PDB file of N, CA and C in Angstrom:
ATOM      1  N   MET A   1      23.588  -6.633  -0.903  1.00  0.00           N
ATOM      2  CA  MET A   1      22.606  -7.520  -1.209  1.00  0.00           C
ATOM      3  C   MET A   1      21.371  -6.141  -0.492  1.00  0.00           C
ATOM      4  N   THR A   2      21.907  -6.183   0.548  1.00  0.00           N
ATOM      5  CA  THR A   2      20.772  -5.358   1.941  1.00  0.00           C
ATOM      6  C   THR A   2      20.213  -3.840   1.216  1.00  0.00           C
ATOM      7  N   SER A   3      21.611  -3.188   0.172  1.00  0.00           N
ATOM      8  CA  SER A   3      21.416  -1.989  -0.343  1.00  0.00           C
ATOM      9  C   SER A   3      20.387  -1.937  -1.301  1.00  0.00           C
ATOM     10  N   LYS A   4      19.992  -3.361  -2.391  1.00  0.00           N
ATOM     11  CA  LYS A   4      19.277  -3.176  -3.185  1.00  0.00           C
ATOM     12  C   LYS A   4      18.010  -3.502  -2.786  1.00  0.00           C
ATOM     13  N   ILE A   5      17.565  -4.330  -1.697  1.00  0.00           N
ATOM     14  CA  ILE A   5      16.767  -4.687  -0.990  1.00  0.00           C
ATOM     15  C   ILE A   5      15.934  -3.067  -0.464  1.00  0.00           C
ATOM     16  N   GLU A   6      17.070  -2.625   0.252  1.00  0.00           N
ATOM     17  CA  GLU A   6      16.443  -1.543   0.849  1.00  0.00           C
ATOM     18  C   GLU A   6      16.129  -0.312  -0.253  1.00  0.00           C
ATOM     19  N   GLY A   7      16.522  -0.452  -1.124  1.00  0.00           N
ATOM     20  CA  GLY A   7      16.015   0.387  -2.298  1.00  0.00           C
ATOM     21  C   GLY A   7      14.674  -0.108  -2.485  1.00  0.00           C
ATOM     22  N   GLU A   8      14.754  -1.407  -2.745  1.00  0.00           N
ATOM     23  CA  GLU A   8      13.230  -2.150  -3.271  1.00  0.00           C
ATOM     24  C   GLU A   8      12.447  -1.247  -2.143  1.00  0.00           C
ATOM     25  N   VAL A   9      12.530  -1.521  -1.110  1.00  0.00           N
ATOM     26  CA  VAL A   9      11.768  -0.934   0.407  1.00  0.00           C
ATOM     27  C   VAL A   9      11.356   0.528   0.146  1.00  0.00           C
ATOM     28  N   ALA A  10      12.309   1.136  -0.238  1.00  0.00           N
ATOM     29  CA  ALA A  10      12.031   2.724  -0.512  1.00  0.00           C
ATOM     30  C   ALA A  10      11.157   2.793  -1.529  1.00  0.00           C
ATOM     31  N   HIS A  11      11.331   2.042  -2.604  1.00  0.00           N
ATOM     32  CA  HIS A  11      10.153   2.545  -3.515  1.00  0.00           C
ATOM     33  C   HIS A  11       8.855   1.851  -3.655  1.00  0.00           C
ATOM     34  N   ILE A  12       8.527   0.696  -2.883  1.00  0.00           N
ATOM     35  CA  ILE A  12       7.477   0.553  -2.326  1.00  0.00           C
ATOM     36  C   ILE A  12       6.906   1.404  -1.267  1.00  0.00           C
ATOM     37  N   LYS A  13       7.508   1.918  -0.296  1.00  0.00           N
ATOM     38  CA  LYS A  13       7.302   2.733   0.668  1.00  0.00           C
ATOM     39  C   LYS A  13       6.413   3.909  -0.307  1.00  0.00           C
ATOM     40  N   ARG A  14       7.247   4.534  -1.524  1.00  0.00           N
ATOM     41  CA  ARG A  14       6.487   5.363  -2.055  1.00  0.00           C
ATOM     42  C   ARG A  14       5.503   4.924  -2.576  1.00  0.00           C
ATOM     43  N   GLU A  15       5.266   3.822  -3.503  1.00  0.00           N
ATOM     44  CA  GLU A  15       3.933   3.656  -4.059  1.00  0.00           C
ATOM     45  C   GLU A  15       2.609   3.046  -2.888  1.00  0.00           C
ATOM     46  N   ILE A  16       3.074   2.731  -1.684  1.00  0.00           N
ATOM     47  CA  ILE A  16       2.314   2.494  -0.951  1.00  0.00           C
ATOM     48  C   ILE A  16       1.710   3.724  -0.419  1.00  0.00           C
ATOM     49  N   GLU A  17       2.329   4.948   0.049  1.00  0.00           N
ATOM     50  CA  GLU A  17       1.856   6.155   0.210  1.00  0.00           C
ATOM     51  C   GLU A  17       1.205   6.809  -1.014  1.00  0.00           C
ATOM     52  N   ALA A  18       1.837   6.582  -2.254  1.00  0.00           N
ATOM     53  CA  ALA A  18       0.811   7.101  -3.481  1.00  0.00           C
ATOM     54  C   ALA A  18      -0.588   6.362  -3.535  1.00  0.00           C
ATOM     55  N   ARG A  19      -0.994   5.194  -3.443  1.00  0.00           N
ATOM     56  CA  ARG A  19      -1.702   4.551  -3.414  1.00  0.00           C
ATOM     57  C   ARG A  19      -2.856   4.908  -2.492  1.00  0.00           C
ATOM     58  N   GLY A  20      -2.184   4.947  -1.297  1.00  0.00           N
ATOM     59  CA  GLY A  20      -2.759   5.168   0.103  1.00  0.00           C
ATOM     60  C   GLY A  20      -4.112   6.548  -0.067  1.00  0.00           C
ATOM     61  N   ARG A  21      -3.198   7.583  -1.036  1.00  0.00           N
ATOM     62  CA  ARG A  21      -3.475   8.884  -1.132  1.00  0.00           C
ATOM     63  C   ARG A  21      -4.885   8.459  -2.264  1.00  0.00           C
ATOM     64  N   TYR A  22      -4.526   7.738  -3.132  1.00  0.00           N
ATOM     65  CA  TYR A  22      -5.514   7.613  -4.059  1.00  0.00           C
ATOM     66  C   TYR A  22      -6.836   6.873  -3.700  1.00  0.00           C
ATOM     67  N   ILE A  23      -6.315   6.066  -2.801  1.00  0.00           N
ATOM     68  CA  ILE A  23      -7.714   5.204  -2.273  1.00  0.00           C
ATOM     69  C   ILE A  23      -8.571   6.001  -1.096  1.00  0.00           C
ATOM     70  N   ASP A  24      -7.837   6.937  -0.520  1.00  0.00           N
ATOM     71  CA  ASP A  24      -8.597   8.146   0.369  1.00  0.00           C
ATOM     72  C   ASP A  24      -9.323   8.935  -0.252  1.00  0.00           C
ATOM     73  N   ASP A  25      -8.996   9.367  -1.423  1.00  0.00           N
ATOM     74  CA  ASP A  25      -9.659  10.102  -2.504  1.00  0.00           C
ATOM     75  C   ASP A  25     -10.768   9.652  -3.286  1.00  0.00           C
ATOM     76  N   GLN A  26     -10.492   8.654  -3.581  1.00  0.00           N
ATOM     77  CA  GLN A  26     -11.621   7.720  -4.192  1.00  0.00           C
ATOM     78  C   GLN A  26     -12.599   7.429  -3.227  1.00  0.00           C
ATOM     79  N   ALA A  27     -12.572   7.145  -2.231  1.00  0.00           N
ATOM     80  CA  ALA A  27     -13.289   7.117  -1.050  1.00  0.00           C
ATOM     81  C   ALA A  27     -14.065   8.127  -0.833  1.00  0.00           C
ATOM     82  N   ALA A  28     -13.412   8.910  -0.349  1.00  0.00           N
ATOM     83  CA  ALA A  28     -14.298  10.444  -0.592  1.00  0.00           C
ATOM     84  C   ALA A  28     -15.227  10.707  -1.952  1.00  0.00           C
ATOM     85  N   LEU A  29     -14.407  10.576  -2.984  1.00  0.00           N
ATOM     86  CA  LEU A  29     -15.749  10.704  -3.954  1.00  0.00           C
ATOM     87  C   LEU A  29     -16.668  10.055  -4.311  1.00  0.00           C
ATOM     88  N   ILE A  30     -16.032   8.779  -4.107  1.00  0.00           N
ATOM     89  CA  ILE A  30     -17.863   7.884  -3.597  1.00  0.00           C
ATOM     90  C   ILE A  30     -18.614   8.085  -3.008  1.00  0.00           C
ATOM     91  N   ASP A  31     -18.354   8.513  -1.831  1.00  0.00           N
ATOM     92  CA  ASP A  31     -19.176   8.672  -0.801  1.00  0.00           C
ATOM     93  C   ASP A  31     -19.929   9.801  -1.015  1.00  0.00           C
ATOM     94  N   VAL A  32     -19.575  10.911  -2.080  1.00  0.00           N
ATOM     95  CA  VAL A  32     -19.934  12.225  -2.286  1.00  0.00           C
ATOM     96  C   VAL A  32     -21.238  11.613  -3.809  1.00  0.00           C
ATOM     97  N   LEU A  33     -20.488  10.733  -4.282  1.00  0.00           N
ATOM     98  CA  LEU A  33     -21.255  10.567  -5.380  1.00  0.00           C
ATOM     99  C   LEU A  33     -22.708   9.763  -4.912  1.00  0.00           C
ATOM    100  N   GLU A  34     -22.392   8.983  -3.907  1.00  0.00           N
ATOM    101  CA  GLU A  34     -23.616   8.080  -3.336  1.00  0.00           C
ATOM    102  C   GLU A  34     -24.495   9.007  -2.569  1.00  0.00           C
ATOM    103  N   HIS A  35     -24.155  10.148  -1.803  1.00  0.00           N
ATOM    104  CA  HIS A  35     -24.885  10.927  -1.035  1.00  0.00           C
ATOM    105  C   HIS A  35     -25.889  11.875  -2.031  1.00  0.00           C
ATOM    106  N   GLU A  36     -25.243  11.997  -3.180  1.00  0.00           N
ATOM    107  CA  GLU A  36     -25.839  12.003  -4.216  1.00  0.00           C
ATOM    108  C   GLU A  36     -26.775  11.211  -4.986  1.00  0.00           C
ATOM    109  N   GLY A  37     -26.699  10.317  -5.052  1.00  0.00           N
ATOM    110  CA  GLY A  37     -27.940   9.444  -5.355  1.00  0.00           C
ATOM    111  C   GLY A  37     -27.241   8.767  -6.921  1.00  0.00           C
ATOM    112  N   TYR A  38     -25.775   8.728  -6.922  1.00  0.00           N
ATOM    113  CA  TYR A  38     -25.291   8.128  -8.063  1.00  0.00           C
ATOM    114  C   TYR A  38     -25.251   6.694  -7.698  1.00  0.00           C
ATOM    115  N   ASP A  39     -25.260   5.300  -8.579  1.00  0.00           N
ATOM    116  CA  ASP A  39     -24.983   4.265  -8.477  1.00  0.00           C
ATOM    117  C   ASP A  39     -23.519   4.226  -8.073  1.00  0.00           C
ATOM    118  N   VAL A  40     -22.715   3.684  -7.280  1.00  0.00           N
ATOM    119  CA  VAL A  40     -21.498   3.660  -7.236  1.00  0.00           C
ATOM    120  C   VAL A  40     -21.149   2.293  -6.915  1.00  0.00           C
ATOM    121  N   PHE A  41     -21.810   1.293  -7.474  1.00  0.00           N
ATOM    122  CA  PHE A  41     -21.404  -0.001  -7.429  1.00  0.00           C
ATOM    123  C   PHE A  41     -20.015  -0.430  -7.965  1.00  0.00           C
ATOM    124  N   GLU A  42     -20.184   0.035  -8.935  1.00  0.00           N
ATOM    125  CA  GLU A  42     -18.221  -0.490  -9.880  1.00  0.00           C
ATOM    126  C   GLU A  42     -17.450   0.287  -9.105  1.00  0.00           C
ATOM    127  N   GLN A  43     -17.648   1.662  -8.752  1.00  0.00           N
ATOM    128  CA  GLN A  43     -16.515   2.256  -8.129  1.00  0.00           C
ATOM    129  C   GLN A  43     -16.143   1.695  -6.868  1.00  0.00           C
ATOM    130  N   ARG A  44     -17.062   1.222  -5.973  1.00  0.00           N
ATOM    131  CA  ARG A  44     -17.119   0.580  -4.716  1.00  0.00           C
ATOM    132  C   ARG A  44     -15.975  -1.291  -5.329  1.00  0.00           C
ATOM    133  N   LYS A  45     -16.520  -1.974  -6.157  1.00  0.00           N
ATOM    134  CA  LYS A  45     -15.716  -2.914  -6.713  1.00  0.00           C
ATOM    135  C   LYS A  45     -14.377  -2.553  -6.799  1.00  0.00           C
ATOM    136  N   ALA A  46     -13.836  -1.454  -7.844  1.00  0.00           N
ATOM    137  CA  ALA A  46     -12.439  -0.823  -8.281  1.00  0.00           C
ATOM    138  C   ALA A  46     -11.909  -0.201  -6.944  1.00  0.00           C
ATOM    139  N   LEU A  47     -12.586  -0.196  -6.004  1.00  0.00           N
ATOM    140  CA  LEU A  47     -11.744   0.453  -4.932  1.00  0.00           C
ATOM    141  C   LEU A  47     -11.327  -0.634  -4.060  1.00  0.00           C
ATOM    142  N   ALA A  48     -11.980  -1.664  -4.033  1.00  0.00           N
ATOM    143  CA  ALA A  48     -11.819  -3.055  -3.322  1.00  0.00           C
ATOM    144  C   ALA A  48     -10.725  -3.537  -3.873  1.00  0.00           C
ATOM    145  N   LYS A  49     -10.700  -3.601  -4.958  1.00  0.00           N
ATOM    146  CA  LYS A  49      -9.424  -3.889  -5.598  1.00  0.00           C
ATOM    147  C   LYS A  49      -8.405  -3.367  -5.404  1.00  0.00           C
ATOM    148  N   GLU A  50      -8.247  -2.069  -5.615  1.00  0.00           N
ATOM    149  CA  GLU A  50      -7.216  -1.012  -4.840  1.00  0.00           C
ATOM    150  C   GLU A  50      -6.609  -1.322  -3.796  1.00  0.00           C
ATOM    151  N   ARG A  51      -7.849  -1.421  -2.679  1.00  0.00           N
ATOM    152  CA  ARG A  51      -7.518  -1.970  -1.419  1.00  0.00           C
ATOM    153  C   ARG A  51      -6.738  -3.453  -1.269  1.00  0.00           C
ATOM    154  N   SER A  52      -6.722  -4.355  -2.094  1.00  0.00           N
ATOM    155  CA  SER A  52      -6.424  -5.313  -1.920  1.00  0.00           C
ATOM    156  C   SER A  52      -4.916  -5.330  -2.563  1.00  0.00           C
ATOM    157  N   ASP A  53      -4.601  -4.549  -3.629  1.00  0.00           N
ATOM    158  CA  ASP A  53      -3.359  -4.624  -4.402  1.00  0.00           C
ATOM    159  C   ASP A  53      -2.546  -3.369  -3.465  1.00  0.00           C
ATOM    160  N   LEU A  54      -2.896  -2.913  -2.756  1.00  0.00           N
ATOM    161  CA  LEU A  54      -2.312  -2.091  -1.513  1.00  0.00           C
ATOM    162  C   LEU A  54      -1.863  -3.035  -0.331  1.00  0.00           C
ATOM    163  N   ALA A  55      -2.673  -3.848  -0.021  1.00  0.00           N
ATOM    164  CA  ALA A  55      -2.518  -4.887   1.331  1.00  0.00           C
ATOM    165  C   ALA A  55      -1.392  -5.838   0.752  1.00  0.00           C
ATOM    166  N   VAL A  56      -1.148  -6.256  -0.865  1.00  0.00           N
ATOM    167  CA  VAL A  56       0.001  -6.933  -1.227  1.00  0.00           C
ATOM    168  C   VAL A  56       0.991  -6.081  -1.311  1.00  0.00           C
ATOM    169  N   ARG A  57       0.903  -4.849  -1.632  1.00  0.00           N
ATOM    170  CA  ARG A  57       2.209  -3.943  -1.554  1.00  0.00           C
ATOM    171  C   ARG A  57       3.136  -3.801  -0.143  1.00  0.00           C
ATOM    172  N   ILE A  58       1.893  -4.236   0.894  1.00  0.00           N
ATOM    173  CA  ILE A  58       2.106  -4.070   1.945  1.00  0.00           C
ATOM    174  C   ILE A  58       2.746  -5.013   2.618  1.00  0.00           C
ATOM    175  N   ALA A  59       2.683  -6.088   2.035  1.00  0.00           N
ATOM    176  CA  ALA A  59       2.807  -7.400   2.647  1.00  0.00           C
ATOM    177  C   ALA A  59       4.331  -7.593   2.092  1.00  0.00           C
ATOM    178  N   ARG A  60       4.392  -7.279   0.897  1.00  0.00           N
ATOM    179  CA  ARG A  60       5.469  -7.150   0.309  1.00  0.00           C
ATOM    180  C   ARG A  60       7.000  -6.516   0.970  1.00  0.00           C
ATOM    181  N   GLN A  61       6.403  -5.398   1.588  1.00  0.00           N
ATOM    182  CA  GLN A  61       7.497  -4.166   2.238  1.00  0.00           C
ATOM    183  C   GLN A  61       7.983  -4.696   3.514  1.00  0.00           C
ATOM    184  N   PHE A  62       6.610  -5.468   4.193  1.00  0.00           N
ATOM    185  CA  PHE A  62       7.083  -6.091   5.207  1.00  0.00           C
ATOM    186  C   PHE A  62       7.762  -7.563   4.710  1.00  0.00           C
ATOM    187  N   ARG A  63       7.723  -8.497   4.123  1.00  0.00           N
ATOM    188  CA  ARG A  63       8.452  -9.554   4.139  1.00  0.00           C
ATOM    189  C   ARG A  63      10.252  -8.970   3.570  1.00  0.00           C
ATOM    190  N   LEU A  64      10.247  -7.801   3.184  1.00  0.00           N
ATOM    191  CA  LEU A  64      11.500  -7.361   2.632  1.00  0.00           C
ATOM    192  C   LEU A  64      12.121  -6.590   3.852  1.00  0.00           C
ATOM    193  N   LEU A  65      11.503  -6.037   4.340  1.00  0.00           N
ATOM    194  CA  LEU A  65      11.960  -5.526   5.728  1.00  0.00           C
ATOM    195  C   LEU A  65      12.062  -6.586   6.673  1.00  0.00           C
ATOM    196  N   GLU A  66      11.867  -7.869   6.813  1.00  0.00           N
ATOM    197  CA  GLU A  66      11.867  -9.024   7.539  1.00  0.00           C
ATOM    198  C   GLU A  66      13.597  -9.492   7.158  1.00  0.00           C
ATOM    199  N   GLN A  67      14.356  -9.698   5.685  1.00  0.00           N
ATOM    200  CA  GLN A  67      14.788 -10.253   5.214  1.00  0.00           C
ATOM    201  C   GLN A  67      15.895  -9.407   5.637  1.00  0.00           C
ATOM    202  N   ILE A  68      15.723  -7.983   5.458  1.00  0.00           N
ATOM    203  CA  ILE A  68      16.769  -6.979   5.644  1.00  0.00           C
ATOM    204  C   ILE A  68      17.489  -7.353   7.166  1.00  0.00           C
ATOM    205  N   ALA A  69      16.279  -7.207   8.373  1.00  0.00           N
ATOM    206  CA  ALA A  69      16.230  -7.616   9.698  1.00  0.00           C
ATOM    207  C   ALA A  69      16.917  -8.980  10.160  1.00  0.00           C
ATOM    208  N   ASN A  70      17.020 -10.174   8.975  1.00  0.00           N
ATOM    209  CA  ASN A  70      17.234 -11.168   8.846  1.00  0.00           C
ATOM    210  C   ASN A  70      18.739 -10.970   8.608  1.00  0.00           C
ATOM    211  N   ASP A  71      19.160 -10.006   7.705  1.00  0.00           N
ATOM    212  CA  ASP A  71      20.566 -10.103   7.172  1.00  0.00           C
ATOM    213  C   ASP A  71      21.519  -9.500   7.978  1.00  0.00           C
ATOM    214  N   ASP A  72      21.166  -8.411   8.703  1.00  0.00           N
ATOM    215  CA  ASP A  72      22.129  -7.701   9.950  1.00  0.00           C
ATOM    216  C   ASP A  72      21.921  -8.780  10.779  1.00  0.00           C
ATOM    217  N   PRO A  73      23.535  -8.505  11.084  1.00  0.00           N
ATOM    218  CA  PRO A  73      24.166  -8.928  12.385  1.00  0.00           C
ATOM    219  C   PRO A  73      23.594  -8.677  14.016  1.00  0.00           C
ATOM    220  N   PRO A  74      23.210  -9.674  14.613  1.00  0.00           N
ATOM    221  CA  PRO A  74      22.508  -9.072  16.009  1.00  0.00           C
ATOM    222  C   PRO A  74      23.684  -7.951  16.558  1.00  0.00           C
ATOM    223  N   VAL A  75      22.970  -7.143  17.485  1.00  0.00           N
ATOM    224  CA  VAL A  75      23.774  -6.155  18.140  1.00  0.00           C
ATOM    225  C   VAL A  75      23.780  -6.536  19.229  1.00  0.00           C
ATOM    226  N   HIS A  76      25.226  -6.267  20.054  1.00  0.00           N
ATOM    227  CA  HIS A  76      25.333  -6.810  21.502  1.00  0.00           C
ATOM    228  C   HIS A  76      25.557  -5.623  22.196  1.00  0.00           C
ATOM    229  N   GLY A  77      24.857  -5.197  23.493  1.00  0.00           N
ATOM    230  CA  GLY A  77      25.303  -4.085  24.197  1.00  0.00           C
ATOM    231  C   GLY A  77      26.320  -3.999  25.029  1.00  0.00           C
TER     232      GLY A  77
END
């Protein structure tokens, strides 16, 4: 079970990294467009949704990591 969860964690990690880069790129683009005088309301709204989706994925990753930690037997030194 743990290896399946670890695989899912790895997949989510890659998604989080890719979405994070996308969000950073979009934020930079929006800033440039706004500086040039364009109306960026819709782009900011879409970016807020992307950030929300990213937060959901991060929360999912956290829950999976907790599950892995709870499945592992305690280490005694």
